[in-house]
Every structure is written in C-alpha cells, then in structure tokens.
PDB file of all heavy atoms in Angstrom:
ATOM      1  N   ALA A   1      71.400  46.255 -69.730  1.00  0.00           N
ATOM      2  CA  ALA A   1      70.997  47.304 -68.575  1.00  0.00           C
ATOM      3  C   ALA A   1      71.914  48.424 -68.420  1.00  0.00           C
ATOM      4  O   ALA A   1      71.507  49.523 -68.119  1.00  0.00           O
ATOM      5  CB  ALA A   1      70.950  46.447 -67.246  1.00  0.00           C
ATOM      6  N   GLU A   2      73.217  48.222 -68.653  1.00  0.00           N
ATOM      7  CA  GLU A   2      74.147  49.213 -68.309  1.00  0.00           C
ATOM      8  C   GLU A   2      74.742  49.963 -69.556  1.00  0.00           C
ATOM      9  O   GLU A   2      75.105  51.137 -69.482  1.00  0.00           O
ATOM     10  CB  GLU A   2      75.405  48.691 -67.518  1.00  0.00           C
ATOM     11  CG  GLU A   2      75.011  48.200 -66.046  1.00  0.00           C
ATOM     12  CD  GLU A   2      76.168  47.733 -65.256  1.00  0.00           C
ATOM     13  OE1 GLU A   2      77.195  47.219 -65.880  1.00  0.00           O
ATOM     14  OE2 GLU A   2      76.033  47.732 -64.036  1.00  0.00           O
ATOM     15  N   GLU A   3      74.802  49.232 -70.675  1.00  0.00           N
ATOM     16  CA  GLU A   3      75.411  49.789 -71.893  1.00  0.00           C
ATOM     17  C   GLU A   3      74.440  50.066 -73.013  1.00  0.00           C
ATOM     18  O   GLU A   3      74.905  50.550 -74.022  1.00  0.00           O
ATOM     19  CB  GLU A   3      76.488  48.940 -72.361  1.00  0.00           C
ATOM     20  CG  GLU A   3      77.517  48.419 -71.303  1.00  0.00           C
ATOM     21  CD  GLU A   3      78.351  49.692 -70.684  1.00  0.00           C
ATOM     22  OE1 GLU A   3      78.394  50.706 -71.379  1.00  0.00           O
ATOM     23  OE2 GLU A   3      78.768  49.576 -69.424  1.00  0.00           O
ATOM     24  N   GLY A   4      73.152  49.773 -72.712  1.00  0.00           N
ATOM     25  CA  GLY A   4      72.215  50.200 -73.746  1.00  0.00           C
ATOM     26  C   GLY A   4      72.064  49.204 -74.921  1.00  0.00           C
ATOM     27  O   GLY A   4      71.468  49.658 -75.967  1.00  0.00           O
ATOM     28  N   THR A   5      72.600  48.051 -74.861  1.00  0.00           N
ATOM     29  CA  THR A   5      72.516  47.118 -75.974  1.00  0.00           C
ATOM     30  C   THR A   5      71.070  46.565 -75.829  1.00  0.00           C
ATOM     31  O   THR A   5      70.359  46.723 -74.931  1.00  0.00           O
ATOM     32  CB  THR A   5      73.527  45.994 -75.926  1.00  0.00           C
ATOM     33  OG1 THR A   5      73.439  45.378 -74.572  1.00  0.00           O
ATOM     34  CG2 THR A   5      74.944  46.616 -76.157  1.00  0.00           C
ATOM     35  N   SER A   6      70.702  45.771 -76.874  1.00  0.00           N
ATOM     36  CA  SER A   6      69.294  45.139 -76.859  1.00  0.00           C
ATOM     37  C   SER A   6      69.428  43.746 -77.273  1.00  0.00           C
ATOM     38  O   SER A   6      68.777  43.225 -78.241  1.00  0.00           O
ATOM     39  CB  SER A   6      68.414  45.942 -77.894  1.00  0.00           C
ATOM     40  OG  SER A   6      69.005  46.050 -79.168  1.00  0.00           O
ATOM     41  N   TYR A   7      70.306  42.995 -76.722  1.00  0.00           N
ATOM     42  CA  TYR A   7      70.512  41.595 -76.973  1.00  0.00           C
ATOM     43  C   TYR A   7      69.379  40.714 -76.588  1.00  0.00           C
ATOM     44  O   TYR A   7      68.871  40.872 -75.400  1.00  0.00           O
ATOM     45  CB  TYR A   7      71.773  40.965 -76.320  1.00  0.00           C
ATOM     46  CG  TYR A   7      73.108  41.649 -76.795  1.00  0.00           C
ATOM     47  CD1 TYR A   7      73.947  42.258 -75.849  1.00  0.00           C
ATOM     48  CD2 TYR A   7      73.433  41.757 -78.068  1.00  0.00           C
ATOM     49  CE1 TYR A   7      75.184  42.733 -76.227  1.00  0.00           C
ATOM     50  CE2 TYR A   7      74.585  42.414 -78.519  1.00  0.00           C
ATOM     51  CZ  TYR A   7      75.474  42.841 -77.488  1.00  0.00           C
ATOM     52  OH  TYR A   7      76.629  43.421 -78.069  1.00  0.00           O
ATOM     53  N   ASP A   8      68.796  39.912 -77.469  1.00  0.00           N
ATOM     54  CA  ASP A   8      67.829  38.994 -77.148  1.00  0.00           C
ATOM     55  C   ASP A   8      68.504  37.810 -76.851  1.00  0.00           C
ATOM     56  O   ASP A   8      68.887  36.903 -77.739  1.00  0.00           O
ATOM     57  CB  ASP A   8      66.844  38.790 -78.302  1.00  0.00           C
ATOM     58  CG  ASP A   8      65.695  37.791 -78.055  1.00  0.00           C
ATOM     59  OD1 ASP A   8      65.668  37.398 -76.893  1.00  0.00           O
ATOM     60  OD2 ASP A   8      64.831  37.404 -78.925  1.00  0.00           O
ATOM     61  N   TYR A   9      68.653  37.498 -75.504  1.00  0.00           N
ATOM     62  CA  TYR A   9      69.565  36.352 -75.069  1.00  0.00           C
ATOM     63  C   TYR A   9      68.739  35.209 -74.567  1.00  0.00           C
ATOM     64  O   TYR A   9      69.385  34.270 -73.905  1.00  0.00           O
ATOM     65  CB  TYR A   9      70.510  36.871 -73.980  1.00  0.00           C
ATOM     66  CG  TYR A   9      69.836  37.364 -72.756  1.00  0.00           C
ATOM     67  CD1 TYR A   9      69.767  36.464 -71.726  1.00  0.00           C
ATOM     68  CD2 TYR A   9      69.439  38.643 -72.612  1.00  0.00           C
ATOM     69  CE1 TYR A   9      69.170  36.923 -70.506  1.00  0.00           C
ATOM     70  CE2 TYR A   9      68.923  39.029 -71.339  1.00  0.00           C
ATOM     71  CZ  TYR A   9      68.679  38.173 -70.350  1.00  0.00           C
ATOM     72  OH  TYR A   9      68.101  38.620 -69.214  1.00  0.00           O
ATOM     73  N   HIS A  10      67.432  35.183 -74.619  1.00  0.00           N
ATOM     74  CA  HIS A  10      66.601  34.166 -74.070  1.00  0.00           C
ATOM     75  C   HIS A  10      67.066  32.695 -74.443  1.00  0.00           C
ATOM     76  O   HIS A  10      67.024  31.843 -73.690  1.00  0.00           O
ATOM     77  CB  HIS A  10      65.139  34.311 -74.342  1.00  0.00           C
ATOM     78  CG  HIS A  10      64.247  33.296 -73.698  1.00  0.00           C
ATOM     79  ND1 HIS A  10      63.808  33.478 -72.441  1.00  0.00           N
ATOM     80  CD2 HIS A  10      63.675  32.089 -74.041  1.00  0.00           C
ATOM     81  CE1 HIS A  10      63.008  32.486 -72.176  1.00  0.00           C
ATOM     82  NE2 HIS A  10      63.101  31.598 -73.077  1.00  0.00           N
ATOM     83  N   LYS A  11      67.604  32.644 -75.763  1.00  0.00           N
ATOM     84  CA  LYS A  11      68.007  31.339 -76.245  1.00  0.00           C
ATOM     85  C   LYS A  11      69.247  30.757 -75.518  1.00  0.00           C
ATOM     86  O   LYS A  11      69.412  29.626 -75.390  1.00  0.00           O
ATOM     87  CB  LYS A  11      68.338  31.307 -77.657  1.00  0.00           C
ATOM     88  CG  LYS A  11      69.557  32.070 -78.167  1.00  0.00           C
ATOM     89  CD  LYS A  11      69.728  31.878 -79.649  1.00  0.00           C
ATOM     90  CE  LYS A  11      71.020  32.651 -80.160  1.00  0.00           C
ATOM     91  NZ  LYS A  11      71.059  32.404 -81.725  1.00  0.00           N
ATOM     92  N   ILE A  12      70.107  31.753 -74.828  1.00  0.00           N
ATOM     93  CA  ILE A  12      71.166  31.333 -74.043  1.00  0.00           C
ATOM     94  C   ILE A  12      70.663  30.639 -72.815  1.00  0.00           C
ATOM     95  O   ILE A  12      71.358  29.646 -72.377  1.00  0.00           O
ATOM     96  CB  ILE A  12      72.080  32.494 -73.702  1.00  0.00           C
ATOM     97  CG1 ILE A  12      72.665  33.068 -74.930  1.00  0.00           C
ATOM     98  CG2 ILE A  12      73.213  32.005 -72.802  1.00  0.00           C
ATOM     99  CD1 ILE A  12      73.527  34.322 -74.815  1.00  0.00           C
ATOM    100  N   LEU A  13      69.502  31.127 -72.175  1.00  0.00           N
ATOM    101  CA  LEU A  13      69.044  30.527 -71.017  1.00  0.00           C
ATOM    102  C   LEU A  13      68.444  29.156 -71.387  1.00  0.00           C
ATOM    103  O   LEU A  13      68.548  28.186 -70.641  1.00  0.00           O
ATOM    104  CB  LEU A  13      67.902  31.358 -70.414  1.00  0.00           C
ATOM    105  CG  LEU A  13      68.472  32.723 -69.635  1.00  0.00           C
ATOM    106  CD1 LEU A  13      67.386  33.608 -69.381  1.00  0.00           C
ATOM    107  CD2 LEU A  13      69.256  32.282 -68.456  1.00  0.00           C
ATOM    108  N   ASP A  14      67.727  29.052 -72.573  1.00  0.00           N
ATOM    109  CA  ASP A  14      67.156  27.784 -72.997  1.00  0.00           C
ATOM    110  C   ASP A  14      68.359  26.869 -73.210  1.00  0.00           C
ATOM    111  O   ASP A  14      68.292  25.634 -72.834  1.00  0.00           O
ATOM    112  CB  ASP A  14      66.405  27.972 -74.259  1.00  0.00           C
ATOM    113  CG  ASP A  14      65.097  28.558 -74.126  1.00  0.00           C
ATOM    114  OD1 ASP A  14      64.527  28.446 -72.869  1.00  0.00           O
ATOM    115  OD2 ASP A  14      64.457  29.038 -74.969  1.00  0.00           O
ATOM    116  N   TRP A  15      69.441  27.345 -73.881  1.00  0.00           N
ATOM    117  CA  TRP A  15      70.633  26.388 -74.076  1.00  0.00           C
ATOM    118  C   TRP A  15      71.153  25.917 -72.784  1.00  0.00           C
ATOM    119  O   TRP A  15      71.608  24.739 -72.593  1.00  0.00           O
ATOM    120  CB  TRP A  15      71.662  27.135 -74.904  1.00  0.00           C
ATOM    121  CG  TRP A  15      71.343  27.351 -76.337  1.00  0.00           C
ATOM    122  CD1 TRP A  15      70.354  26.717 -77.086  1.00  0.00           C
ATOM    123  CD2 TRP A  15      71.941  28.236 -77.277  1.00  0.00           C
ATOM    124  NE1 TRP A  15      70.300  27.097 -78.344  1.00  0.00           N
ATOM    125  CE2 TRP A  15      71.256  28.057 -78.512  1.00  0.00           C
ATOM    126  CE3 TRP A  15      73.005  29.173 -77.109  1.00  0.00           C
ATOM    127  CZ2 TRP A  15      71.658  28.820 -79.606  1.00  0.00           C
ATOM    128  CZ3 TRP A  15      73.384  29.873 -78.312  1.00  0.00           C
ATOM    129  CH2 TRP A  15      72.742  29.697 -79.474  1.00  0.00           C
ATOM    130  N   THR A  16      71.171  26.792 -71.826  1.00  0.00           N
ATOM    131  CA  THR A  16      71.729  26.400 -70.473  1.00  0.00           C
ATOM    132  C   THR A  16      70.867  25.326 -69.820  1.00  0.00           C
ATOM    133  O   THR A  16      71.413  24.255 -69.311  1.00  0.00           O
ATOM    134  CB  THR A  16      71.831  27.641 -69.609  1.00  0.00           C
ATOM    135  OG1 THR A  16      72.650  28.583 -70.058  1.00  0.00           O
ATOM    136  CG2 THR A  16      72.213  27.211 -68.147  1.00  0.00           C
ATOM    137  N   PHE A  17      69.550  25.437 -69.977  1.00  0.00           N
ATOM    138  CA  PHE A  17      68.748  24.523 -69.275  1.00  0.00           C
ATOM    139  C   PHE A  17      68.162  23.316 -70.000  1.00  0.00           C
ATOM    140  O   PHE A  17      68.020  22.160 -69.401  1.00  0.00           O
ATOM    141  CB  PHE A  17      67.460  25.287 -68.754  1.00  0.00           C
ATOM    142  CG  PHE A  17      67.645  26.116 -67.553  1.00  0.00           C
ATOM    143  CD1 PHE A  17      68.079  27.473 -67.598  1.00  0.00           C
ATOM    144  CD2 PHE A  17      67.429  25.591 -66.180  1.00  0.00           C
ATOM    145  CE1 PHE A  17      68.400  28.169 -66.519  1.00  0.00           C
ATOM    146  CE2 PHE A  17      67.581  26.431 -65.156  1.00  0.00           C
ATOM    147  CZ  PHE A  17      68.139  27.676 -65.251  1.00  0.00           C
ATOM    148  N   ASP A  18      68.021  23.382 -71.275  1.00  0.00           N
ATOM    149  CA  ASP A  18      67.215  22.375 -72.020  1.00  0.00           C
ATOM    150  C   ASP A  18      67.871  21.063 -72.320  1.00  0.00           C
ATOM    151  O   ASP A  18      67.060  20.077 -72.572  1.00  0.00           O
ATOM    152  CB  ASP A  18      66.861  23.051 -73.349  1.00  0.00           C
ATOM    153  CG  ASP A  18      65.703  24.004 -73.310  1.00  0.00           C
ATOM    154  OD1 ASP A  18      65.067  24.240 -72.201  1.00  0.00           O
ATOM    155  OD2 ASP A  18      65.364  24.588 -74.346  1.00  0.00           O
ATOM    156  N   GLY A  19      69.151  20.963 -72.145  1.00  0.00           N
ATOM    157  CA  GLY A  19      69.639  19.648 -72.368  1.00  0.00           C
ATOM    158  C   GLY A  19      69.723  19.312 -73.960  1.00  0.00           C
ATOM    159  O   GLY A  19      69.793  18.070 -74.238  1.00  0.00           O
ATOM    160  N   THR A  20      69.820  20.255 -74.688  1.00  0.00           N
ATOM    161  CA  THR A  20      69.791  20.059 -76.156  1.00  0.00           C
ATOM    162  C   THR A  20      71.121  20.313 -76.813  1.00  0.00           C
ATOM    163  O   THR A  20      71.234  20.249 -77.905  1.00  0.00           O
ATOM    164  CB  THR A  20      68.815  20.996 -76.891  1.00  0.00           C
ATOM    165  OG1 THR A  20      69.174  22.409 -76.499  1.00  0.00           O
ATOM    166  CG2 THR A  20      67.291  20.724 -76.478  1.00  0.00           C
ATOM    167  N   SER A  21      72.188  20.343 -76.045  1.00  0.00           N
ATOM    168  CA  SER A  21      73.588  20.562 -76.437  1.00  0.00           C
ATOM    169  C   SER A  21      73.991  19.502 -77.427  1.00  0.00           C
ATOM    170  O   SER A  21      73.722  18.305 -77.287  1.00  0.00           O
ATOM    171  CB  SER A  21      74.485  20.668 -75.295  1.00  0.00           C
ATOM    172  OG  SER A  21      75.859  20.921 -75.890  1.00  0.00           O
ATOM    173  N   VAL A  22      74.636  19.941 -78.555  1.00  0.00           N
ATOM    174  CA  VAL A  22      75.190  18.941 -79.475  1.00  0.00           C
ATOM    175  C   VAL A  22      76.757  18.801 -79.136  1.00  0.00           C
ATOM    176  O   VAL A  22      77.350  19.651 -78.528  1.00  0.00           O
ATOM    177  CB  VAL A  22      75.027  19.501 -80.900  1.00  0.00           C
ATOM    178  CG1 VAL A  22      73.504  19.686 -81.183  1.00  0.00           C
ATOM    179  CG2 VAL A  22      75.645  20.887 -81.212  1.00  0.00           C
ATOM    180  N   CYS A  23      77.224  17.729 -79.696  1.00  0.00           N
ATOM    181  CA  CYS A  23      78.657  17.356 -79.389  1.00  0.00           C
ATOM    182  C   CYS A  23      78.679  16.778 -77.999  1.00  0.00           C
ATOM    183  O   CYS A  23      78.844  15.591 -77.799  1.00  0.00           O
ATOM    184  CB  CYS A  23      79.680  18.445 -79.664  1.00  0.00           C
ATOM    185  SG  CYS A  23      81.331  17.760 -79.666  1.00  0.00           S
ATOM    186  N   ARG A  24      78.615  17.734 -77.067  1.00  0.00           N
ATOM    187  CA  ARG A  24      78.481  17.238 -75.623  1.00  0.00           C
ATOM    188  C   ARG A  24      76.975  16.954 -75.357  1.00  0.00           C
ATOM    189  O   ARG A  24      76.350  17.717 -74.725  1.00  0.00           O
ATOM    190  CB  ARG A  24      79.100  18.178 -74.590  1.00  0.00           C
ATOM    191  CG  ARG A  24      79.172  17.481 -73.191  1.00  0.00           C
ATOM    192  CD  ARG A  24      80.254  18.144 -72.371  1.00  0.00           C
ATOM    193  NE  ARG A  24      80.584  17.263 -71.286  1.00  0.00           N
ATOM    194  CZ  ARG A  24      81.429  17.656 -70.256  1.00  0.00           C
ATOM    195  NH1 ARG A  24      81.938  18.854 -70.287  1.00  0.00           N
ATOM    196  NH2 ARG A  24      81.649  16.838 -69.364  1.00  0.00           N
ATOM    197  N   GLU A  25      76.607  15.875 -75.916  1.00  0.00           N
ATOM    198  CA  GLU A  25      75.118  15.582 -76.024  1.00  0.00           C
ATOM    199  C   GLU A  25      74.394  15.677 -74.682  1.00  0.00           C
ATOM    200  O   GLU A  25      74.883  15.061 -73.741  1.00  0.00           O
ATOM    201  CB  GLU A  25      74.936  14.183 -76.638  1.00  0.00           C
ATOM    202  CG  GLU A  25      73.399  13.730 -76.796  1.00  0.00           C
ATOM    203  CD  GLU A  25      73.232  12.485 -77.292  1.00  0.00           C
ATOM    204  OE1 GLU A  25      74.248  11.694 -77.438  1.00  0.00           O
ATOM    205  OE2 GLU A  25      72.008  12.012 -77.555  1.00  0.00           O
ATOM    206  N   GLY A  26      73.334  16.393 -74.694  1.00  0.00           N
ATOM    207  CA  GLY A  26      72.454  16.430 -73.512  1.00  0.00           C
ATOM    208  C   GLY A  26      72.987  17.334 -72.351  1.00  0.00           C
ATOM    209  O   GLY A  26      72.267  17.246 -71.312  1.00  0.00           O
TER     210      GLY A  26
END
C-alpha cells in the first residue's frame, strides 16, 4: 500500500490460520 510493492501474501494468512505448520505441528 505504501511502498508500491506487489507481494502476493495470501499464503501467509493461510499459514496463520490453517493449522498446517510443520515442526510445530498444527
């Protein structure tokens, strides 16, 4: 929004919510 980048970060939100983390399982 502020610096003009175009990061597709939706997967970070999925990683936050989905409970699919590895090593620290779930």
